[in-house]
Amino acid sequence: MAQKSFLAAAVMSVALLIPSARAADPSFIWGLNGHPLASYHGVTLEEQIAYAKSLGAKSYRVDVQSAGQLPKLMELVDLAAIDGVEILPVLTPKIDLSTATVDDIYAFSKNLAYETAVLLRGKIKVWELGNELENFAIIQPCEMRDDGTQYPCDWGPAGGLYPLDYYGPRWEKVAAIMRGLDDGMKQAGGNYLTAMGTAGWGHIGAFQRMKQSGLAWDISVWHLYGEDPEWAFKVLAEYGKPIWITEFNHPKGSTESEAAQAAGLKTMMEMLQRLRKRYPIEAAHIYELMDETYWAPDFEAYMGLIQLDSDGKNSWRSGRPKAAFKIVQDFIRQDNLTGSQSQ
C-alpha cells in the first residue's frame, strides 16, 4: 500500500509532456527468456531454439552466471544464428553480495564479462549487464539515507522511486557489479550495445542513481508484470535511450489458470504494441519459454509457455504447449505481418 502511494506521488510530481506519436517500427523485437545454461536439464538447445522460432521470437534472453557455462553458451549462439534467433546474454555474476567486498565483486564481474565477450566477440549485438540488481540495495526500515536522514522505522521497504530509496553501502556493491561488467566488456573490445536497468515496479530512481555512480548504458531495461508502465516509460524516455522490456508476463503466470495467463499476456502485448508508438520501446521478452516445475508450488513453476515434465530419471523433458503459446504465436505472426505491410 505504501509503495502505491509513493508511486502516485511520483507520477504527480513528474511534469513530463506526453511524447508525440511514433511511427510503427517493423523491426520491433519480440523475444523470450529461458535458462538453457543452468536449468531445463534434459531439454536440448535445439528444442529450445525450435520453439523460439515457431513462436516467431527474434531474441532469446539467457542468464550467464559463470565462466563454466561459456562452452554451452557458444553452442547456443551458433545454433540460434542458423534459425535467425539472436541471443541476448544477461550477465549475472554468481557471487554473494552480502559477504563479498566491493573490490572482489568488481573483479569477479569484470573477469566474467571479459571472458564472455572475448569468446563471443562479433556474435552478440546487445549485452545486458546485471538483472534486477537494485533489489539488493532497496533501503529498509530504520536504515540511514545518504543525506543523513533516517528512513522511518514504521515504514516498509522503500518503493525505489527516488535515488535515496537505495541504501548507500549496498548500492556500492550493486554499482561494482555494473561497473565491473561494463569495464570487462570494454577491455574485450568489439562493437556492441549495453543494456542496464531494473526490476520495474516503482524502481525508476535506480536510473538516476546509476548516473550518479558514473555508469553509462545504451539501452534502458524495464520489467513488467501486470502494472501500468506508462508513467515509467515517460520518465525513461527522458534519458534519450531505447527501452527494452526484457521480462514481462501475466502476474504469476498460469498459477490461476492457463486461460488467465493467455488472456493476460495478450492484453499486455496489445498494450506494448500501442505504447511503442509513443515511446522508444524496441523489444519485449516474455518470461519465460518453459515452466520451471522444480520450483513448485512457487509461482516460478508456472511462468512458462510450455510445460516442463519429469522424465522419471531425475531429469526433464518438454511437455505440451500451454494456452498462452498459441496466443503469443498468433499475436507475433500478425504483428510482424502488420509491420511488414506498413513499410
Protein backbone atom coordinates (compact mmCIF):
# COMPACT_ATOMS: atom_id res chain seq x y z
CA MET A 1 0.00 0.00 0.00
CA ALA A 2 2.84 2.40 0.87
CA GLN A 3 4.51 1.61 -2.44
CA LYS A 4 1.36 2.60 -4.32
CA SER A 5 1.17 5.95 -2.53
CA PHE A 6 4.82 6.64 -3.32
CA LEU A 7 4.13 5.76 -6.93
CA ALA A 8 1.16 8.08 -7.16
CA ALA A 9 3.16 10.92 -5.65
CA ALA A 10 5.98 10.40 -8.08
CA VAL A 11 3.69 10.36 -11.08
CA MET A 12 2.07 13.58 -9.89
CA SER A 13 5.44 15.24 -9.43
CA VAL A 14 6.97 14.26 -12.74
CA ALA A 15 5.78 17.01 -15.06
CA LEU A 16 6.63 15.48 -18.41
CA LEU A 17 5.00 16.24 -21.71
CA ILE A 18 3.47 13.22 -23.43
CA PRO A 19 5.70 12.41 -26.40
CA SER A 20 4.27 12.74 -29.89
CA ALA A 21 3.19 9.60 -31.70
CA ARG A 22 5.96 7.48 -33.19
CA ALA A 23 5.72 5.54 -36.41
CA ALA A 24 5.23 1.78 -36.03
CA ASP A 25 8.59 0.03 -36.31
CA PRO A 26 8.50 -3.22 -38.32
CA SER A 27 11.83 -4.20 -36.74
CA PHE A 28 10.33 -4.48 -33.24
CA ILE A 29 11.81 -7.43 -31.35
CA TRP A 30 9.53 -9.93 -29.66
CA GLY A 31 11.69 -12.23 -27.56
CA LEU A 32 11.69 -14.91 -24.88
CA ASN A 33 13.52 -15.65 -21.66
CA GLY A 34 15.00 -19.02 -20.86
CA HIS A 35 17.54 -20.77 -18.67
CA PRO A 36 19.30 -23.17 -21.05
CA LEU A 37 22.67 -22.91 -19.29
CA ALA A 38 21.55 -23.67 -15.74
CA SER A 39 18.07 -25.22 -15.93
CA TYR A 40 15.76 -27.19 -18.24
CA HIS A 41 18.12 -30.17 -17.87
CA GLY A 42 17.15 -32.76 -20.47
CA VAL A 43 15.63 -30.26 -22.90
CA THR A 44 18.10 -29.80 -25.74
CA LEU A 45 19.28 -26.45 -27.03
CA GLU A 46 17.91 -27.43 -30.44
CA GLU A 47 14.43 -27.91 -28.95
CA GLN A 48 14.51 -24.53 -27.26
CA ILE A 49 15.56 -22.68 -30.41
CA ALA A 50 12.94 -24.56 -32.43
CA TYR A 51 10.25 -23.40 -30.00
CA ALA A 52 11.52 -19.82 -30.21
CA LYS A 53 11.46 -19.93 -34.00
CA SER A 54 7.97 -21.45 -34.01
CA LEU A 55 6.72 -18.61 -31.81
CA GLY A 56 8.27 -16.01 -34.11
CA ALA A 57 10.67 -14.75 -31.45
CA LYS A 58 13.72 -12.91 -32.74
CA SER A 59 15.65 -12.97 -29.46
CA TYR A 60 16.32 -15.45 -26.64
CA ARG A 61 17.46 -13.89 -23.35
CA VAL A 62 19.61 -16.23 -21.25
CA ASP A 63 21.37 -15.77 -17.91
CA VAL A 64 25.14 -16.27 -17.75
CA GLN A 65 26.47 -16.75 -14.22
CA SER A 66 29.96 -18.20 -14.55
CA ALA A 67 32.77 -18.98 -16.98
CA GLY A 68 31.94 -22.68 -16.77
CA GLN A 69 28.78 -22.03 -18.79
CA LEU A 70 30.59 -20.44 -21.73
CA PRO A 71 31.09 -23.54 -23.94
CA LYS A 72 27.34 -24.24 -23.84
CA LEU A 73 26.59 -20.56 -24.43
CA MET A 74 28.82 -20.59 -27.51
CA GLU A 75 26.97 -23.65 -28.83
CA LEU A 76 23.63 -21.94 -28.20
CA VAL A 77 24.65 -18.76 -30.02
CA ASP A 78 25.76 -20.71 -33.09
CA LEU A 79 22.62 -22.88 -33.15
CA ALA A 80 20.34 -19.88 -32.75
CA ALA A 81 22.05 -17.99 -35.57
CA ILE A 82 21.15 -20.77 -38.01
CA ASP A 83 17.46 -20.15 -37.33
CA GLY A 84 17.68 -16.36 -37.22
CA VAL A 85 17.32 -16.06 -33.45
CA GLU A 86 19.68 -13.71 -31.64
CA ILE A 87 20.89 -14.48 -28.13
CA LEU A 88 20.63 -11.72 -25.51
CA PRO A 89 23.08 -12.72 -22.75
CA VAL A 90 22.30 -11.21 -19.37
CA LEU A 91 25.44 -11.35 -17.28
CA THR A 92 24.55 -12.23 -13.68
CA PRO A 93 27.78 -12.96 -11.77
CA LYS A 94 27.24 -15.69 -9.20
CA ILE A 95 28.70 -14.05 -6.13
CA ASP A 96 27.37 -13.48 -2.60
CA LEU A 97 26.76 -9.75 -2.38
CA SER A 98 26.15 -9.95 1.36
CA THR A 99 29.66 -11.18 2.18
CA ALA A 100 31.86 -10.18 -0.77
CA THR A 101 33.76 -6.88 -0.75
CA VAL A 102 33.21 -4.16 -3.31
CA ASP A 103 36.65 -4.85 -4.80
CA ASP A 104 36.02 -8.59 -5.06
CA ILE A 105 32.62 -8.01 -6.65
CA TYR A 106 34.13 -5.66 -9.21
CA ALA A 107 36.98 -8.02 -10.10
CA PHE A 108 34.74 -11.09 -10.40
CA SER A 109 32.24 -9.22 -12.57
CA LYS A 110 34.90 -7.74 -14.82
CA ASN A 111 36.50 -11.13 -15.37
CA LEU A 112 33.19 -12.79 -16.28
CA ALA A 113 32.33 -10.05 -18.77
CA TYR A 114 35.80 -10.08 -20.33
CA GLU A 115 35.92 -13.86 -20.79
CA THR A 116 32.40 -13.99 -22.21
CA ALA A 117 32.83 -11.03 -24.55
CA VAL A 118 36.16 -12.26 -25.91
CA LEU A 119 34.66 -15.65 -26.68
CA LEU A 120 31.63 -14.17 -28.45
CA ARG A 121 33.18 -11.06 -29.97
CA GLY A 122 31.24 -10.09 -33.10
CA LYS A 123 28.41 -12.55 -32.44
CA ILE A 124 26.37 -10.59 -29.90
CA LYS A 125 24.79 -7.21 -30.67
CA VAL A 126 23.42 -6.41 -27.21
CA TRP A 127 24.67 -7.42 -23.76
CA GLU A 128 22.52 -6.94 -20.67
CA LEU A 129 24.65 -6.15 -17.64
CA GLY A 130 23.04 -7.43 -14.44
CA ASN A 131 19.49 -8.46 -13.60
CA GLU A 132 17.29 -6.65 -11.07
CA LEU A 133 20.39 -5.77 -9.06
CA GLU A 134 18.81 -2.75 -7.41
CA ASN A 135 16.57 -5.05 -5.35
CA PHE A 136 19.58 -5.80 -3.15
CA ALA A 137 20.00 -2.11 -2.31
CA ILE A 138 16.40 -1.09 -1.53
CA ILE A 139 16.53 0.76 1.78
CA GLN A 140 14.90 -0.97 4.75
CA PRO A 141 13.19 0.42 7.89
CA CYS A 142 15.50 2.41 10.21
CA GLU A 143 18.43 2.48 7.76
CA MET A 144 20.19 5.77 7.09
CA ARG A 145 19.74 7.55 3.79
CA ASP A 146 22.74 9.07 2.04
CA ASP A 147 21.58 12.56 3.00
CA GLY A 148 21.94 11.71 6.70
CA THR A 149 18.23 11.26 7.43
CA GLN A 150 16.80 8.03 8.75
CA TYR A 151 14.30 6.04 6.73
CA PRO A 152 11.23 5.70 9.00
CA CYS A 153 11.22 2.59 11.15
CA ASP A 154 7.45 2.15 10.83
CA TRP A 155 7.50 2.06 7.01
CA GLY A 156 8.04 -0.97 4.83
CA PRO A 157 10.90 -1.28 2.33
CA ALA A 158 11.23 1.78 0.10
CA GLY A 159 9.44 1.86 -3.24
CA GLY A 160 12.56 2.59 -5.29
CA LEU A 161 11.15 5.77 -6.82
CA TYR A 162 13.95 8.08 -5.71
CA PRO A 163 17.75 7.83 -5.53
CA LEU A 164 17.61 7.97 -1.73
CA ASP A 165 15.45 4.83 -1.73
CA TYR A 166 18.66 2.80 -2.06
CA TYR A 167 20.97 2.12 0.90
CA GLY A 168 24.43 3.53 0.15
CA PRO A 169 26.70 0.65 1.28
CA ARG A 170 24.62 -1.94 -0.57
CA TRP A 171 24.29 0.29 -3.62
CA GLU A 172 28.08 0.46 -3.84
CA LYS A 173 28.08 -3.31 -4.31
CA VAL A 174 25.38 -3.09 -6.96
CA ALA A 175 27.34 -0.40 -8.80
CA ALA A 176 30.50 -2.52 -8.52
CA ILE A 177 28.83 -5.32 -10.48
CA MET A 178 27.62 -2.98 -13.21
CA ARG A 179 30.93 -1.15 -13.42
CA GLY A 180 32.91 -4.38 -13.46
CA LEU A 181 30.76 -5.87 -16.20
CA ASP A 182 31.00 -2.71 -18.28
CA ASP A 183 34.77 -2.44 -17.84
CA GLY A 184 35.20 -6.09 -18.77
CA MET A 185 33.23 -5.54 -21.95
CA LYS A 186 35.31 -2.51 -22.84
CA GLN A 187 38.53 -4.42 -22.24
CA ALA A 188 37.36 -7.17 -24.59
CA GLY A 189 36.57 -4.65 -27.32
CA GLY A 190 34.25 -5.00 -30.28
CA ASN A 191 31.05 -3.35 -31.47
CA TYR A 192 28.09 -3.87 -29.16
CA LEU A 193 25.43 -2.12 -27.09
CA THR A 194 24.94 -2.47 -23.34
CA ALA A 195 21.59 -2.65 -21.58
CA MET A 196 21.07 -1.85 -17.89
CA GLY A 197 18.00 -1.37 -15.79
CA THR A 198 15.72 -2.56 -13.04
CA ALA A 199 13.01 -4.98 -11.96
CA GLY A 200 10.35 -2.45 -12.90
CA TRP A 201 7.58 -1.84 -10.33
CA GLY A 202 8.45 1.59 -8.89
CA HIS A 203 12.21 1.28 -9.28
CA ILE A 204 12.73 4.30 -11.50
CA GLY A 205 15.05 6.02 -9.01
CA ALA A 206 17.76 3.47 -9.71
CA PHE A 207 18.40 5.03 -13.12
CA GLN A 208 19.27 8.39 -11.57
CA ARG A 209 21.36 6.56 -9.01
CA MET A 210 23.19 4.79 -11.83
CA LYS A 211 24.02 8.13 -13.41
CA GLN A 212 25.21 9.49 -10.07
CA SER A 213 27.54 6.49 -9.85
CA GLY A 214 29.05 7.36 -13.23
CA LEU A 215 27.54 4.36 -15.01
CA ALA A 216 26.73 4.58 -18.71
CA TRP A 217 24.48 2.39 -20.82
CA ASP A 218 22.95 2.32 -24.30
CA ILE A 219 19.56 0.72 -23.64
CA SER A 220 17.29 1.22 -20.62
CA VAL A 221 15.81 -2.02 -19.23
CA TRP A 222 12.42 -2.37 -17.54
CA HIS A 223 10.49 -5.43 -16.31
CA LEU A 224 6.73 -5.68 -16.40
CA TYR A 225 4.34 -7.99 -14.57
CA GLY A 226 0.85 -6.60 -14.92
CA GLU A 227 1.05 -2.99 -13.71
CA ASP A 228 0.52 0.03 -15.99
CA PRO A 229 4.05 1.03 -17.12
CA GLU A 230 3.30 4.24 -18.99
CA TRP A 231 4.34 6.54 -16.13
CA ALA A 232 7.74 4.81 -16.11
CA PHE A 233 8.11 4.96 -19.89
CA LYS A 234 7.57 8.73 -19.71
CA VAL A 235 10.48 9.02 -17.30
CA LEU A 236 12.73 6.57 -19.15
CA ALA A 237 12.15 8.39 -22.44
CA GLU A 238 13.78 11.46 -20.87
CA TYR A 239 17.09 9.57 -20.77
CA GLY A 240 17.11 9.59 -24.57
CA LYS A 241 17.79 5.88 -24.92
CA PRO A 242 15.82 2.95 -26.38
CA ILE A 243 13.74 0.96 -23.88
CA TRP A 244 13.80 -2.83 -23.76
CA ILE A 245 11.29 -4.80 -21.70
CA THR A 246 13.50 -7.81 -21.01
CA GLU A 247 10.91 -9.56 -18.82
CA PHE A 248 7.12 -9.50 -18.94
CA ASN A 249 4.26 -11.89 -18.32
CA HIS A 250 0.85 -12.15 -16.76
CA PRO A 251 1.38 -11.88 -12.97
CA LYS A 252 2.31 -15.32 -11.60
CA GLY A 253 1.89 -16.96 -15.00
CA SER A 254 -0.69 -19.74 -15.10
CA THR A 255 -0.95 -20.13 -11.31
CA GLU A 256 -4.61 -19.13 -11.51
CA SER A 257 -5.27 -20.90 -14.81
CA GLU A 258 -3.80 -21.31 -18.28
CA ALA A 259 -6.67 -19.30 -19.71
CA ALA A 260 -5.91 -16.38 -17.38
CA GLN A 261 -2.25 -16.39 -18.40
CA ALA A 262 -3.14 -16.48 -22.09
CA ALA A 263 -5.64 -13.63 -21.79
CA GLY A 264 -3.30 -11.59 -19.60
CA LEU A 265 -0.37 -11.98 -21.96
CA LYS A 266 -2.46 -10.96 -24.95
CA THR A 267 -3.63 -7.85 -23.11
CA MET A 268 -0.05 -6.93 -22.21
CA MET A 269 1.21 -7.48 -25.74
CA GLU A 270 -1.58 -5.28 -27.09
CA MET A 271 -0.65 -2.61 -24.55
CA LEU A 272 3.02 -2.70 -25.56
CA GLN A 273 2.01 -2.61 -29.21
CA ARG A 274 0.19 0.66 -28.52
CA LEU A 275 2.80 2.20 -26.24
CA ARG A 276 5.72 1.55 -28.59
CA LYS A 277 4.13 4.03 -30.99
CA ARG A 278 4.56 6.75 -28.36
CA TYR A 279 7.73 5.74 -26.52
CA PRO A 280 11.07 4.35 -27.79
CA ILE A 281 10.29 0.73 -26.89
CA GLU A 282 12.28 -1.53 -29.20
CA ALA A 283 11.96 -5.01 -27.65
CA ALA A 284 9.85 -7.08 -25.28
CA HIS A 285 10.86 -10.50 -23.93
CA ILE A 286 8.28 -12.85 -22.41
CA TYR A 287 9.31 -14.54 -19.16
CA GLU A 288 9.61 -17.40 -19.93
CA LEU A 289 9.79 -20.21 -22.50
CA MET A 290 9.27 -23.17 -20.18
CA ASP A 291 7.78 -23.75 -16.75
CA GLU A 292 10.33 -24.37 -14.01
CA THR A 293 8.36 -27.22 -12.49
CA TYR A 294 11.01 -27.98 -9.89
CA TRP A 295 10.12 -24.72 -8.07
CA ALA A 296 6.51 -25.79 -7.36
CA PRO A 297 4.44 -24.62 -5.58
CA ASP A 298 6.16 -21.25 -6.08
CA PHE A 299 4.78 -19.17 -8.97
CA GLU A 300 8.13 -19.55 -10.82
CA ALA A 301 6.96 -23.08 -11.63
CA TYR A 302 4.11 -21.70 -13.78
CA MET A 303 5.60 -18.81 -15.77
CA GLY A 304 6.35 -20.71 -18.97
CA LEU A 305 4.61 -21.01 -22.32
CA ILE A 306 5.41 -24.74 -22.33
CA GLN A 307 5.10 -27.27 -19.56
CA LEU A 308 8.23 -28.97 -18.24
CA ASP A 309 7.69 -32.62 -17.33
CA SER A 310 9.79 -35.06 -15.34
CA ASP A 311 11.34 -37.82 -17.45
CA GLY A 312 11.30 -40.16 -14.46
CA LYS A 313 15.09 -40.33 -14.45
CA ASN A 314 15.98 -37.26 -12.37
CA SER A 315 15.84 -35.03 -15.43
CA TRP A 316 13.29 -33.16 -17.50
CA ARG A 317 11.64 -33.09 -20.91
CA SER A 318 9.46 -30.59 -22.72
CA GLY A 319 5.74 -31.09 -22.16
CA ARG A 320 2.76 -29.72 -24.02
CA PRO A 321 2.45 -26.08 -25.05
CA LYS A 322 0.11 -24.14 -22.75
CA ALA A 323 -2.78 -21.98 -23.92
CA ALA A 324 -0.56 -18.89 -23.96
CA PHE A 325 1.78 -20.47 -26.53
CA LYS A 326 -0.76 -20.26 -29.36
CA ILE A 327 -1.90 -16.79 -28.29
CA VAL A 328 1.68 -15.50 -28.41
CA GLN A 329 2.43 -17.29 -31.67
CA ASP A 330 -0.62 -15.81 -33.41
CA PHE A 331 -0.03 -12.33 -31.99
CA ILE A 332 3.60 -12.15 -33.13
CA ARG A 333 2.72 -13.50 -36.57
CA GLN A 334 0.01 -10.88 -37.03
CA ASP A 335 2.20 -8.11 -35.62
CA ASN A 336 5.03 -8.99 -37.99
CA LEU A 337 2.58 -9.06 -40.90
CA THR A 338 1.16 -5.67 -39.99
CA GLY A 339 4.66 -4.24 -39.58
CA SER A 340 5.85 -5.50 -42.95
CA GLN A 341 2.77 -4.06 -44.66
CA SER A 342 3.46 -0.63 -43.13
CA GLN A 343 6.89 -0.37 -44.76
